[in-house]
Amino acid sequence: MAEVIVPAVTVFDHNGKPDPEDNRRVIEYLLSYGIDGILVLDFTGEFTELSI
């Protein structure tokens, strides 16, 4: 059986920083559909907005 791994968007707050609570909601929403994994900071290009 194949696994289902989906990309997740990263939610940012009005200051341009990742929003932990809203990101938690996105992850919980995706998990509620029984997926096997989540791909973060790769597919949708948010990594270009982050700095170290």
PDB file of N, CA and C in Angstrom:
ATOM      1  N   MET A   1       0.839  -1.173   0.000  1.00  0.00           N
ATOM      2  CA  MET A   1       0.000   0.000   0.000  1.00  0.00           C
ATOM      3  C   MET A   1       0.889   1.242   0.000  1.00  0.00           C
ATOM      4  N   ALA A   2       0.532   2.226  -0.790  1.00  0.00           N
ATOM      5  CA  ALA A   2       1.305   3.467  -0.884  1.00  0.00           C
ATOM      6  C   ALA A   2       0.991   4.383   0.293  1.00  0.00           C
ATOM      7  N   GLU A   3       1.994   5.127   0.708  1.00  0.00           N
ATOM      8  CA  GLU A   3       1.792   6.128   1.748  1.00  0.00           C
ATOM      9  C   GLU A   3       1.367   7.441   1.118  1.00  0.00           C
ATOM     10  N   VAL A   4       0.616   8.228   1.877  1.00  0.00           N
ATOM     11  CA  VAL A   4       0.187   9.539   1.414  1.00  0.00           C
ATOM     12  C   VAL A   4       0.928  10.590   2.225  1.00  0.00           C
ATOM     13  N   ILE A   5       1.796  11.342   1.548  1.00  0.00           N
ATOM     14  CA  ILE A   5       2.542  12.436   2.172  1.00  0.00           C
ATOM     15  C   ILE A   5       2.170  13.706   1.426  1.00  0.00           C
ATOM     16  N   VAL A   6       1.669  14.691   2.156  1.00  0.00           N
ATOM     17  CA  VAL A   6       1.183  15.913   1.516  1.00  0.00           C
ATOM     18  C   VAL A   6       2.038  17.112   1.906  1.00  0.00           C
ATOM     19  N   PRO A   7       2.162  18.096   1.004  1.00  0.00           N
ATOM     20  CA  PRO A   7       2.854  19.335   1.359  1.00  0.00           C
ATOM     21  C   PRO A   7       1.940  20.208   2.214  1.00  0.00           C
ATOM     22  N   ALA A   8       2.517  20.925   3.141  1.00  0.00           N
ATOM     23  CA  ALA A   8       1.751  21.838   3.983  1.00  0.00           C
ATOM     24  C   ALA A   8       2.284  23.247   3.797  1.00  0.00           C
ATOM     25  N   VAL A   9       1.380  24.187   3.691  1.00  0.00           N
ATOM     26  CA  VAL A   9       1.811  25.586   3.638  1.00  0.00           C
ATOM     27  C   VAL A   9       2.282  25.998   5.022  1.00  0.00           C
ATOM     28  N   THR A  10       3.136  26.999   5.086  1.00  0.00           N
ATOM     29  CA  THR A  10       3.572  27.568   6.359  1.00  0.00           C
ATOM     30  C   THR A  10       2.838  28.889   6.534  1.00  0.00           C
ATOM     31  N   VAL A  11       2.110  29.010   7.638  1.00  0.00           N
ATOM     32  CA  VAL A  11       1.342  30.225   7.915  1.00  0.00           C
ATOM     33  C   VAL A  11       2.245  31.219   8.636  1.00  0.00           C
ATOM     34  N   PHE A  12       2.262  32.453   8.149  1.00  0.00           N
ATOM     35  CA  PHE A  12       3.050  33.524   8.762  1.00  0.00           C
ATOM     36  C   PHE A  12       2.125  34.531   9.433  1.00  0.00           C
ATOM     37  N   ASP A  13       2.602  35.171  10.504  1.00  0.00           N
ATOM     38  CA  ASP A  13       1.816  36.206  11.161  1.00  0.00           C
ATOM     39  C   ASP A  13       2.013  37.546  10.447  1.00  0.00           C
ATOM     40  N   HIS A  14       1.391  38.602  10.968  1.00  0.00           N
ATOM     41  CA  HIS A  14       1.463  39.913  10.317  1.00  0.00           C
ATOM     42  C   HIS A  14       2.870  40.520  10.362  1.00  0.00           C
ATOM     43  N   ASN A  15       3.774  39.947  11.170  1.00  0.00           N
ATOM     44  CA  ASN A  15       5.161  40.415  11.232  1.00  0.00           C
ATOM     45  C   ASN A  15       6.088  39.609  10.326  1.00  0.00           C
ATOM     46  N   GLY A  16       5.512  38.642   9.585  1.00  0.00           N
ATOM     47  CA  GLY A  16       6.315  37.846   8.679  1.00  0.00           C
ATOM     48  C   GLY A  16       7.021  36.671   9.331  1.00  0.00           C
ATOM     49  N   LYS A  17       6.621  36.329  10.554  1.00  0.00           N
ATOM     50  CA  LYS A  17       7.220  35.190  11.258  1.00  0.00           C
ATOM     51  C   LYS A  17       6.247  34.017  11.228  1.00  0.00           C
ATOM     52  N   PRO A  18       6.770  32.785  11.213  1.00  0.00           N
ATOM     53  CA  PRO A  18       5.872  31.628  11.249  1.00  0.00           C
ATOM     54  C   PRO A  18       4.950  31.690  12.469  1.00  0.00           C
ATOM     55  N   ASP A  19       3.685  31.410  12.268  1.00  0.00           N
ATOM     56  CA  ASP A  19       2.687  31.450  13.331  1.00  0.00           C
ATOM     57  C   ASP A  19       2.472  30.035  13.872  1.00  0.00           C
ATOM     58  N   PRO A  20       3.012  29.737  15.066  1.00  0.00           N
ATOM     59  CA  PRO A  20       2.940  28.369  15.589  1.00  0.00           C
ATOM     60  C   PRO A  20       1.511  27.840  15.743  1.00  0.00           C
ATOM     61  N   GLU A  21       0.612  28.658  16.262  1.00  0.00           N
ATOM     62  CA  GLU A  21      -0.757  28.192  16.497  1.00  0.00           C
ATOM     63  C   GLU A  21      -1.485  27.901  15.188  1.00  0.00           C
ATOM     64  N   ASP A  22      -1.397  28.793  14.238  1.00  0.00           N
ATOM     65  CA  ASP A  22      -2.060  28.560  12.950  1.00  0.00           C
ATOM     66  C   ASP A  22      -1.414  27.399  12.193  1.00  0.00           C
ATOM     67  N   ASN A  23      -0.103  27.243  12.308  1.00  0.00           N
ATOM     68  CA  ASN A  23       0.550  26.096  11.676  1.00  0.00           C
ATOM     69  C   ASN A  23       0.109  24.791  12.324  1.00  0.00           C
ATOM     70  N   ARG A  24      -0.099  24.813  13.630  1.00  0.00           N
ATOM     71  CA  ARG A  24      -0.610  23.624  14.327  1.00  0.00           C
ATOM     72  C   ARG A  24      -1.994  23.259  13.791  1.00  0.00           C
ATOM     73  N   ARG A  25      -2.827  24.268  13.551  1.00  0.00           N
ATOM     74  CA  ARG A  25      -4.167  24.012  13.007  1.00  0.00           C
ATOM     75  C   ARG A  25      -4.092  23.377  11.624  1.00  0.00           C
ATOM     76  N   VAL A  26      -3.194  23.869  10.790  1.00  0.00           N
ATOM     77  CA  VAL A  26      -3.030  23.290   9.450  1.00  0.00           C
ATOM     78  C   VAL A  26      -2.620  21.824   9.558  1.00  0.00           C
ATOM     79  N   ILE A  27      -1.645  21.533  10.416  1.00  0.00           N
ATOM     80  CA  ILE A  27      -1.164  20.167  10.574  1.00  0.00           C
ATOM     81  C   ILE A  27      -2.265  19.257  11.124  1.00  0.00           C
ATOM     82  N   GLU A  28      -3.001  19.730  12.128  1.00  0.00           N
ATOM     83  CA  GLU A  28      -4.089  18.927  12.678  1.00  0.00           C
ATOM     84  C   GLU A  28      -5.161  18.659  11.625  1.00  0.00           C
ATOM     85  N   TYR A  29      -5.453  19.645  10.800  1.00  0.00           N
ATOM     86  CA  TYR A  29      -6.428  19.477   9.722  1.00  0.00           C
ATOM     87  C   TYR A  29      -5.961  18.389   8.757  1.00  0.00           C
ATOM     88  N   LEU A  30      -4.718  18.453   8.335  1.00  0.00           N
ATOM     89  CA  LEU A  30      -4.199  17.454   7.405  1.00  0.00           C
ATOM     90  C   LEU A  30      -4.206  16.062   8.036  1.00  0.00           C
ATOM     91  N   LEU A  31      -3.787  15.958   9.286  1.00  0.00           N
ATOM     92  CA  LEU A  31      -3.754  14.666   9.962  1.00  0.00           C
ATOM     93  C   LEU A  31      -5.153  14.074  10.146  1.00  0.00           C
ATOM     94  N   SER A  32      -6.151  14.931  10.246  1.00  0.00           N
ATOM     95  CA  SER A  32      -7.520  14.438  10.437  1.00  0.00           C
ATOM     96  C   SER A  32      -8.013  13.626   9.236  1.00  0.00           C
ATOM     97  N   TYR A  33      -7.335  13.741   8.106  1.00  0.00           N
ATOM     98  CA  TYR A  33      -7.701  12.982   6.915  1.00  0.00           C
ATOM     99  C   TYR A  33      -6.925  11.672   6.791  1.00  0.00           C
ATOM    100  N   GLY A  34      -6.137  11.340   7.812  1.00  0.00           N
ATOM    101  CA  GLY A  34      -5.461  10.052   7.845  1.00  0.00           C
ATOM    102  C   GLY A  34      -4.224   9.948   6.973  1.00  0.00           C
ATOM    103  N   ILE A  35      -3.585  11.075   6.696  1.00  0.00           N
ATOM    104  CA  ILE A  35      -2.371  11.029   5.881  1.00  0.00           C
ATOM    105  C   ILE A  35      -1.239  10.372   6.657  1.00  0.00           C
ATOM    106  N   ASP A  36      -0.208   9.964   5.941  1.00  0.00           N
ATOM    107  CA  ASP A  36       0.926   9.272   6.560  1.00  0.00           C
ATOM    108  C   ASP A  36       2.088  10.199   6.897  1.00  0.00           C
ATOM    109  N   GLY A  37       2.137  11.380   6.288  1.00  0.00           N
ATOM    110  CA  GLY A  37       3.241  12.284   6.547  1.00  0.00           C
ATOM    111  C   GLY A  37       2.974  13.662   5.968  1.00  0.00           C
ATOM    112  N   ILE A  38       3.765  14.617   6.412  1.00  0.00           N
ATOM    113  CA  ILE A  38       3.626  15.997   5.962  1.00  0.00           C
ATOM    114  C   ILE A  38       4.995  16.499   5.508  1.00  0.00           C
ATOM    115  N   LEU A  39       5.032  17.094   4.343  1.00  0.00           N
ATOM    116  CA  LEU A  39       6.250  17.691   3.800  1.00  0.00           C
ATOM    117  C   LEU A  39       6.193  19.186   4.115  1.00  0.00           C
ATOM    118  N   VAL A  40       7.141  19.680   4.900  1.00  0.00           N
ATOM    119  CA  VAL A  40       7.130  21.097   5.285  1.00  0.00           C
ATOM    120  C   VAL A  40       8.354  21.819   4.736  1.00  0.00           C
ATOM    121  N   LEU A  41       8.186  23.101   4.501  1.00  0.00           N
ATOM    122  CA  LEU A  41       9.264  23.988   4.054  1.00  0.00           C
ATOM    123  C   LEU A  41       9.993  23.487   2.813  1.00  0.00           C
ATOM    124  N   ASP A  42       9.265  22.968   1.875  1.00  0.00           N
ATOM    125  CA  ASP A  42       9.917  22.482   0.666  1.00  0.00           C
ATOM    126  C   ASP A  42       9.082  22.787  -0.567  1.00  0.00           C
ATOM    127  N   PHE A  43       7.930  22.226  -0.652  1.00  0.00           N
ATOM    128  CA  PHE A  43       7.145  22.213  -1.881  1.00  0.00           C
ATOM    129  C   PHE A  43       6.574  23.575  -2.272  1.00  0.00           C
ATOM    130  N   THR A  44       6.099  24.349  -1.326  1.00  0.00           N
ATOM    131  CA  THR A  44       5.381  25.577  -1.664  1.00  0.00           C
ATOM    132  C   THR A  44       6.250  26.831  -1.620  1.00  0.00           C
ATOM    133  N   GLY A  45       7.532  26.710  -1.302  1.00  0.00           N
ATOM    134  CA  GLY A  45       8.479  27.808  -1.432  1.00  0.00           C
ATOM    135  C   GLY A  45       8.599  28.766  -0.268  1.00  0.00           C
ATOM    136  N   GLU A  46       8.004  28.449   0.883  1.00  0.00           N
ATOM    137  CA  GLU A  46       8.080  29.360   2.023  1.00  0.00           C
ATOM    138  C   GLU A  46       9.507  29.570   2.512  1.00  0.00           C
ATOM    139  N   PHE A  47      10.372  28.597   2.261  1.00  0.00           N
ATOM    140  CA  PHE A  47      11.730  28.694   2.785  1.00  0.00           C
ATOM    141  C   PHE A  47      12.442  29.950   2.301  1.00  0.00           C
ATOM    142  N   THR A  48      11.996  30.528   1.196  1.00  0.00           N
ATOM    143  CA  THR A  48      12.618  31.756   0.703  1.00  0.00           C
ATOM    144  C   THR A  48      12.294  32.957   1.589  1.00  0.00           C
ATOM    145  N   GLU A  49      11.288  32.829   2.427  1.00  0.00           N
ATOM    146  CA  GLU A  49      10.873  33.914   3.317  1.00  0.00           C
ATOM    147  C   GLU A  49      11.487  33.806   4.714  1.00  0.00           C
ATOM    148  N   LEU A  50      12.245  32.755   4.964  1.00  0.00           N
ATOM    149  CA  LEU A  50      12.810  32.532   6.288  1.00  0.00           C
ATOM    150  C   LEU A  50      14.294  32.862   6.312  1.00  0.00           C
ATOM    151  N   SER A  51      14.773  33.270   7.460  1.00  0.00           N
ATOM    152  CA  SER A  51      16.210  33.504   7.620  1.00  0.00           C
ATOM    153  C   SER A  51      16.688  32.729   8.839  1.00  0.00           C
ATOM    154  N   ILE A  52      17.982  32.537   8.906  1.00  0.00           N
ATOM    155  CA  ILE A  52      18.547  31.798  10.031  1.00  0.00           C
ATOM    156  C   ILE A  52      18.866  32.751  11.156  1.00  0.00           C
TER     157      ILE A  52
END
